[in-house]
């Protein structure tokens, strides 16, 4: 059984997420999330993208 590991990449900068995803896409199933500011001034991960190779 060939299981592929999963990597979660969280960064405000899309270019950084894309760069890391490109580096690791052949070895990992990539999940991306963007940290955003919420309405009350706090931050939280509210936007995510699923990418697989």
C-alpha atoms as a PDB file:
ATOM      1  CA  UNK A   1       0.000   0.000   0.000  1.00  0.00           C
ATOM      2  CA  UNK A   2       1.510   3.314  -1.101  1.00  0.00           C
ATOM      3  CA  UNK A   3       0.284   6.101   1.215  1.00  0.00           C
ATOM      4  CA  UNK A   4       1.149   9.687   0.395  1.00  0.00           C
ATOM      5  CA  UNK A   5       1.809  12.013   3.313  1.00  0.00           C
ATOM      6  CA  UNK A   6      -0.073  15.299   3.610  1.00  0.00           C
ATOM      7  CA  UNK A   7       1.481  18.723   4.202  1.00  0.00           C
ATOM      8  CA  UNK A   8      -0.459  21.802   5.339  1.00  0.00           C
ATOM      9  CA  UNK A   9       1.034  25.102   4.179  1.00  0.00           C
ATOM     10  CA  UNK A  10      -0.278  28.198   5.999  1.00  0.00           C
ATOM     11  CA  UNK A  11       0.984  31.628   4.980  1.00  0.00           C
ATOM     12  CA  UNK A  12      -0.472  35.065   4.283  1.00  0.00           C
ATOM     13  CA  UNK A  13       1.555  35.379   1.095  1.00  0.00           C
ATOM     14  CA  UNK A  14       0.188  33.392  -1.833  1.00  0.00           C
ATOM     15  CA  UNK A  15       3.571  33.405  -3.581  1.00  0.00           C
ATOM     16  CA  UNK A  16       5.138  31.714  -0.540  1.00  0.00           C
ATOM     17  CA  UNK A  17       2.427  29.030  -0.448  1.00  0.00           C
ATOM     18  CA  UNK A  18       2.854  28.389  -4.165  1.00  0.00           C
ATOM     19  CA  UNK A  19       6.641  28.133  -3.805  1.00  0.00           C
ATOM     20  CA  UNK A  20       6.471  25.617  -0.967  1.00  0.00           C
ATOM     21  CA  UNK A  21       3.739  23.634  -2.728  1.00  0.00           C
ATOM     22  CA  UNK A  22       5.853  23.439  -5.883  1.00  0.00           C
ATOM     23  CA  UNK A  23       8.873  22.182  -3.935  1.00  0.00           C
ATOM     24  CA  UNK A  24       6.988  19.433  -2.110  1.00  0.00           C
ATOM     25  CA  UNK A  25       4.200  18.489  -4.569  1.00  0.00           C
ATOM     26  CA  UNK A  26       5.871  15.258  -5.729  1.00  0.00           C
ATOM     27  CA  UNK A  27       6.348  13.946  -2.185  1.00  0.00           C
ATOM     28  CA  UNK A  28       3.220  15.193  -0.386  1.00  0.00           C
ATOM     29  CA  UNK A  29      -0.461  15.808  -0.879  1.00  0.00           C
ATOM     30  CA  UNK A  30      -0.567  19.594  -0.340  1.00  0.00           C
ATOM     31  CA  UNK A  31      -3.196  21.513   1.630  1.00  0.00           C
ATOM     32  CA  UNK A  32      -2.999  25.308   1.698  1.00  0.00           C
ATOM     33  CA  UNK A  33      -4.574  27.809   4.051  1.00  0.00           C
ATOM     34  CA  UNK A  34      -4.411  31.580   4.200  1.00  0.00           C
ATOM     35  CA  UNK A  35      -4.456  33.409   7.521  1.00  0.00           C
ATOM     36  CA  UNK A  36      -6.877  36.352   7.449  1.00  0.00           C
ATOM     37  CA  UNK A  37      -7.942  39.083   9.839  1.00  0.00           C
ATOM     38  CA  UNK A  38     -11.462  38.610  11.222  1.00  0.00           C
ATOM     39  CA  UNK A  39     -13.996  41.400  11.806  1.00  0.00           C
ATOM     40  CA  UNK A  40     -13.147  41.678  15.506  1.00  0.00           C
ATOM     41  CA  UNK A  41      -9.448  42.346  14.878  1.00  0.00           C
ATOM     42  CA  UNK A  42      -8.276  38.826  15.652  1.00  0.00           C
ATOM     43  CA  UNK A  43      -6.773  36.511  13.082  1.00  0.00           C
ATOM     44  CA  UNK A  44      -7.802  33.067  12.021  1.00  0.00           C
ATOM     45  CA  UNK A  45      -7.408  30.656   9.180  1.00  0.00           C
ATOM     46  CA  UNK A  46     -10.537  31.255   7.144  1.00  0.00           C
ATOM     47  CA  UNK A  47      -9.589  30.448   3.569  1.00  0.00           C
ATOM     48  CA  UNK A  48      -8.235  27.122   2.415  1.00  0.00           C
ATOM     49  CA  UNK A  49      -7.241  25.506  -0.831  1.00  0.00           C
ATOM     50  CA  UNK A  50      -6.790  21.821  -1.527  1.00  0.00           C
ATOM     51  CA  UNK A  51      -4.127  20.806  -4.017  1.00  0.00           C
ATOM     52  CA  UNK A  52      -2.965  17.323  -4.878  1.00  0.00           C
ATOM     53  CA  UNK A  53      -0.255  16.078  -7.159  1.00  0.00           C
END
